[in-house]
C-alpha atoms as a PDB file:
ATOM      1  CA  GLN A   1       3.900   4.441  25.975  1.00  0.00           C
ATOM      2  CA  VAL A   2       3.827   5.121  29.703  1.00  0.00           C
ATOM      3  CA  GLN A   3       6.423   3.633  32.021  1.00  0.00           C
ATOM      4  CA  LEU A   4       6.803   3.522  35.779  1.00  0.00           C
ATOM      5  CA  VAL A   5      10.202   3.127  37.382  1.00  0.00           C
ATOM      6  CA  GLU A   6      10.544   2.415  41.092  1.00  0.00           C
ATOM      7  CA  SER A   7      13.600   3.046  43.237  1.00  0.00           C
ATOM      8  CA  GLY A   8      14.599   3.060  46.876  1.00  0.00           C
ATOM      9  CA  GLY A   9      14.219  -0.554  47.897  1.00  0.00           C
ATOM     10  CA  GLY A  10      16.832  -2.392  49.893  1.00  0.00           C
ATOM     11  CA  LEU A  11      17.713  -4.147  53.107  1.00  0.00           C
ATOM     12  CA  VAL A  12      16.692  -2.557  56.387  1.00  0.00           C
ATOM     13  CA  GLN A  13      16.549  -3.704  59.992  1.00  0.00           C
ATOM     14  CA  PRO A  14      13.263  -4.003  61.874  1.00  0.00           C
ATOM     15  CA  GLY A  15      12.224  -0.595  63.129  1.00  0.00           C
ATOM     16  CA  GLY A  16      14.075   1.143  60.338  1.00  0.00           C
ATOM     17  CA  SER A  17      12.875   3.374  57.529  1.00  0.00           C
ATOM     18  CA  LEU A  18      12.980   3.456  53.756  1.00  0.00           C
ATOM     19  CA  ARG A  19      11.618   5.793  51.127  1.00  0.00           C
ATOM     20  CA  LEU A  20      10.397   4.444  47.816  1.00  0.00           C
ATOM     21  CA  SER A  21      10.060   6.608  44.737  1.00  0.00           C
ATOM     22  CA  CYS A  22       8.197   6.020  41.492  1.00  0.00           C
ATOM     23  CA  ALA A  23       8.562   8.108  38.363  1.00  0.00           C
ATOM     24  CA  ALA A  24       6.069   8.045  35.515  1.00  0.00           C
ATOM     25  CA  SER A  25       7.293   8.905  32.041  1.00  0.00           C
ATOM     26  CA  GLY A  26       6.067   8.833  28.471  1.00  0.00           C
ATOM     27  CA  THR A  27       2.982  10.260  26.842  1.00  0.00           C
ATOM     28  CA  ILE A  28       0.911  11.349  29.828  1.00  0.00           C
ATOM     29  CA  PHE A  29      -2.032  13.704  29.596  1.00  0.00           C
ATOM     30  CA  SER A  30      -3.264  13.205  33.139  1.00  0.00           C
ATOM     31  CA  ILE A  31      -2.730  10.947  36.115  1.00  0.00           C
ATOM     32  CA  HIS A  32      -5.849  10.101  38.082  1.00  0.00           C
ATOM     33  CA  ALA A  33      -4.215   8.115  40.850  1.00  0.00           C
ATOM     34  CA  MET A  34      -0.981   6.405  41.791  1.00  0.00           C
ATOM     35  CA  GLY A  35      -0.329   3.770  44.358  1.00  0.00           C
ATOM     36  CA  TRP A  36       1.914   1.164  45.845  1.00  0.00           C
ATOM     37  CA  TYR A  37       1.192  -2.540  46.010  1.00  0.00           C
ATOM     38  CA  ARG A  38       3.327  -5.301  47.437  1.00  0.00           C
ATOM     39  CA  GLN A  39       3.678  -9.015  47.004  1.00  0.00           C
ATOM     40  CA  ALA A  40       5.390 -11.198  49.561  1.00  0.00           C
ATOM     41  CA  PRO A  41       6.604 -14.703  48.685  1.00  0.00           C
ATOM     42  CA  GLY A  42       3.679 -17.084  48.431  1.00  0.00           C
ATOM     43  CA  LYS A  43       1.113 -14.340  48.877  1.00  0.00           C
ATOM     44  CA  GLN A  44      -1.156 -12.346  46.619  1.00  0.00           C
ATOM     45  CA  ARG A  45      -0.371  -8.821  45.594  1.00  0.00           C
ATOM     46  CA  GLU A  46      -2.051  -6.340  47.944  1.00  0.00           C
ATOM     47  CA  LEU A  47      -2.662  -2.634  48.033  1.00  0.00           C
ATOM     48  CA  VAL A  48      -0.375  -0.755  50.406  1.00  0.00           C
ATOM     49  CA  ALA A  49      -1.353   2.851  49.759  1.00  0.00           C
ATOM     50  CA  ALA A  50      -2.801   5.013  47.027  1.00  0.00           C
ATOM     51  CA  ILE A  51      -3.219   8.702  46.325  1.00  0.00           C
ATOM     52  CA  THR A  52      -5.449  10.521  43.871  1.00  0.00           C
ATOM     53  CA  SER A  53      -4.457  13.560  41.862  1.00  0.00           C
ATOM     54  CA  GLY A  54      -6.495  15.585  44.337  1.00  0.00           C
ATOM     55  CA  GLY A  55      -4.499  14.288  47.265  1.00  0.00           C
ATOM     56  CA  THR A  56      -6.952  11.792  48.741  1.00  0.00           C
ATOM     57  CA  THR A  57      -5.091   8.891  50.293  1.00  0.00           C
ATOM     58  CA  ASN A  58      -5.958   5.336  51.174  1.00  0.00           C
ATOM     59  CA  TYR A  59      -3.907   2.881  53.244  1.00  0.00           C
ATOM     60  CA  ALA A  60      -3.993  -0.768  54.092  1.00  0.00           C
ATOM     61  CA  ASP A  61      -4.802  -1.281  57.765  1.00  0.00           C
ATOM     62  CA  SER A  62      -1.474  -3.039  58.253  1.00  0.00           C
ATOM     63  CA  VAL A  63       0.536   0.079  57.382  1.00  0.00           C
ATOM     64  CA  LYS A  64      -1.611   2.881  58.793  1.00  0.00           C
ATOM     65  CA  GLY A  65       0.427   5.121  61.057  1.00  0.00           C
ATOM     66  CA  ARG A  66       3.709   3.742  59.722  1.00  0.00           C
ATOM     67  CA  PHE A  67       3.672   4.483  55.989  1.00  0.00           C
ATOM     68  CA  THR A  68       2.964   7.777  54.245  1.00  0.00           C
ATOM     69  CA  ILE A  69       2.215   8.161  50.555  1.00  0.00           C
ATOM     70  CA  SER A  70       2.771  11.465  48.807  1.00  0.00           C
ATOM     71  CA  GLY A  71       2.818  12.695  45.256  1.00  0.00           C
ATOM     72  CA  ASP A  72       4.301  15.396  43.093  1.00  0.00           C
ATOM     73  CA  ASN A  73       1.876  16.104  40.264  1.00  0.00           C
ATOM     74  CA  ALA A  74       4.310  18.411  38.479  1.00  0.00           C
ATOM     75  CA  LYS A  75       6.958  15.698  38.319  1.00  0.00           C
ATOM     76  CA  ASN A  76       4.580  12.739  37.831  1.00  0.00           C
ATOM     77  CA  MET A  77       6.068  11.059  40.860  1.00  0.00           C
ATOM     78  CA  VAL A  78       4.781   9.221  43.907  1.00  0.00           C
ATOM     79  CA  TYR A  79       6.641   8.379  47.090  1.00  0.00           C
ATOM     80  CA  LEU A  80       6.157   5.945  49.925  1.00  0.00           C
ATOM     81  CA  GLN A  81       7.816   6.807  53.218  1.00  0.00           C
ATOM     82  CA  MET A  82       8.008   3.643  55.292  1.00  0.00           C
ATOM     83  CA  SER A  83       8.822   3.795  58.984  1.00  0.00           C
ATOM     84  CA  SER A  84       8.816   1.336  61.868  1.00  0.00           C
ATOM     85  CA  LEU A  85       9.339  -1.436  59.361  1.00  0.00           C
ATOM     86  CA  LYS A  86       8.447  -4.966  60.394  1.00  0.00           C
ATOM     87  CA  LEU A  87       9.617  -8.346  59.173  1.00  0.00           C
ATOM     88  CA  GLU A  88       6.237  -8.827  57.536  1.00  0.00           C
ATOM     89  CA  ASP A  89       6.758  -5.754  55.366  1.00  0.00           C
ATOM     90  CA  THR A  90       9.280  -7.750  53.336  1.00  0.00           C
ATOM     91  CA  ALA A  91       7.992  -7.902  49.770  1.00  0.00           C
ATOM     92  CA  VAL A  92       8.421  -6.674  46.246  1.00  0.00           C
ATOM     93  CA  TYR A  93       6.793  -3.250  46.089  1.00  0.00           C
ATOM     94  CA  TYR A  94       5.131  -2.263  42.825  1.00  0.00           C
ATOM     95  CA  CYS A  95       4.109   1.172  41.667  1.00  0.00           C
ATOM     96  CA  ASN A  96       0.771   1.488  39.884  1.00  0.00           C
ATOM     97  CA  ALA A  97      -0.825   4.372  38.031  1.00  0.00           C
ATOM     98  CA  ASP A  98      -4.181   5.123  36.441  1.00  0.00           C
ATOM     99  CA  VAL A  99      -3.344   7.503  33.609  1.00  0.00           C
ATOM    100  CA  ASP A 100      -4.647   8.987  30.400  1.00  0.00           C
ATOM    101  CA  GLY A 101      -1.859   8.527  27.887  1.00  0.00           C
ATOM    102  CA  ASP A 102      -2.010   6.817  24.540  1.00  0.00           C
ATOM    103  CA  TYR A 103      -5.561   6.027  25.536  1.00  0.00           C
ATOM    104  CA  VAL A 104      -7.902   6.833  28.391  1.00  0.00           C
ATOM    105  CA  GLY A 105      -7.735   4.818  31.581  1.00  0.00           C
ATOM    106  CA  MET A 106      -4.414   3.080  31.202  1.00  0.00           C
ATOM    107  CA  ASP A 107      -3.494   0.824  34.132  1.00  0.00           C
ATOM    108  CA  ILE A 108       0.296   0.876  34.346  1.00  0.00           C
ATOM    109  CA  TRP A 109       2.620  -1.182  36.552  1.00  0.00           C
ATOM    110  CA  GLY A 110       6.265  -0.821  37.364  1.00  0.00           C
ATOM    111  CA  LYS A 111       8.650  -3.772  37.547  1.00  0.00           C
ATOM    112  CA  GLY A 112       8.923  -3.592  41.313  1.00  0.00           C
ATOM    113  CA  THR A 113      11.569  -2.936  43.919  1.00  0.00           C
ATOM    114  CA  LEU A 114      12.497  -5.378  46.662  1.00  0.00           C
ATOM    115  CA  VAL A 115      12.224  -4.367  50.298  1.00  0.00           C
ATOM    116  CA  THR A 116      13.778  -6.778  52.771  1.00  0.00           C
ATOM    117  CA  VAL A 117      13.315  -6.247  56.493  1.00  0.00           C
ATOM    118  CA  SER A 118      15.728  -8.428  58.394  1.00  0.00           C
ATOM    119  CA  SER A 119      18.003  -8.336  61.400  1.00  0.00           C
END
């Protein structure tokens, strides 16, 4: 069984920064990609950023230039450095991973971590 555990959420003022971390554990043979999604109240879950095992990254237009995703393949971890945070970045942030574990192509989600941007 593969699990993802997020950490690093919290309350931050507009313009501030936060760093989210996500650790994958369990029976993992390979991780193809990891990413961060978010869901604000009353809105659909959306992709924030993703990174492949080869280091290719993808960002939502709304966070380009402000957020940076990075990964540590050796530790099975992914990070999201968030800067210049805006009120509209408030959401529950979920970690996602595409892994080969108990079976090929597992789509795993964490439970989420709340980020609140408020003055």
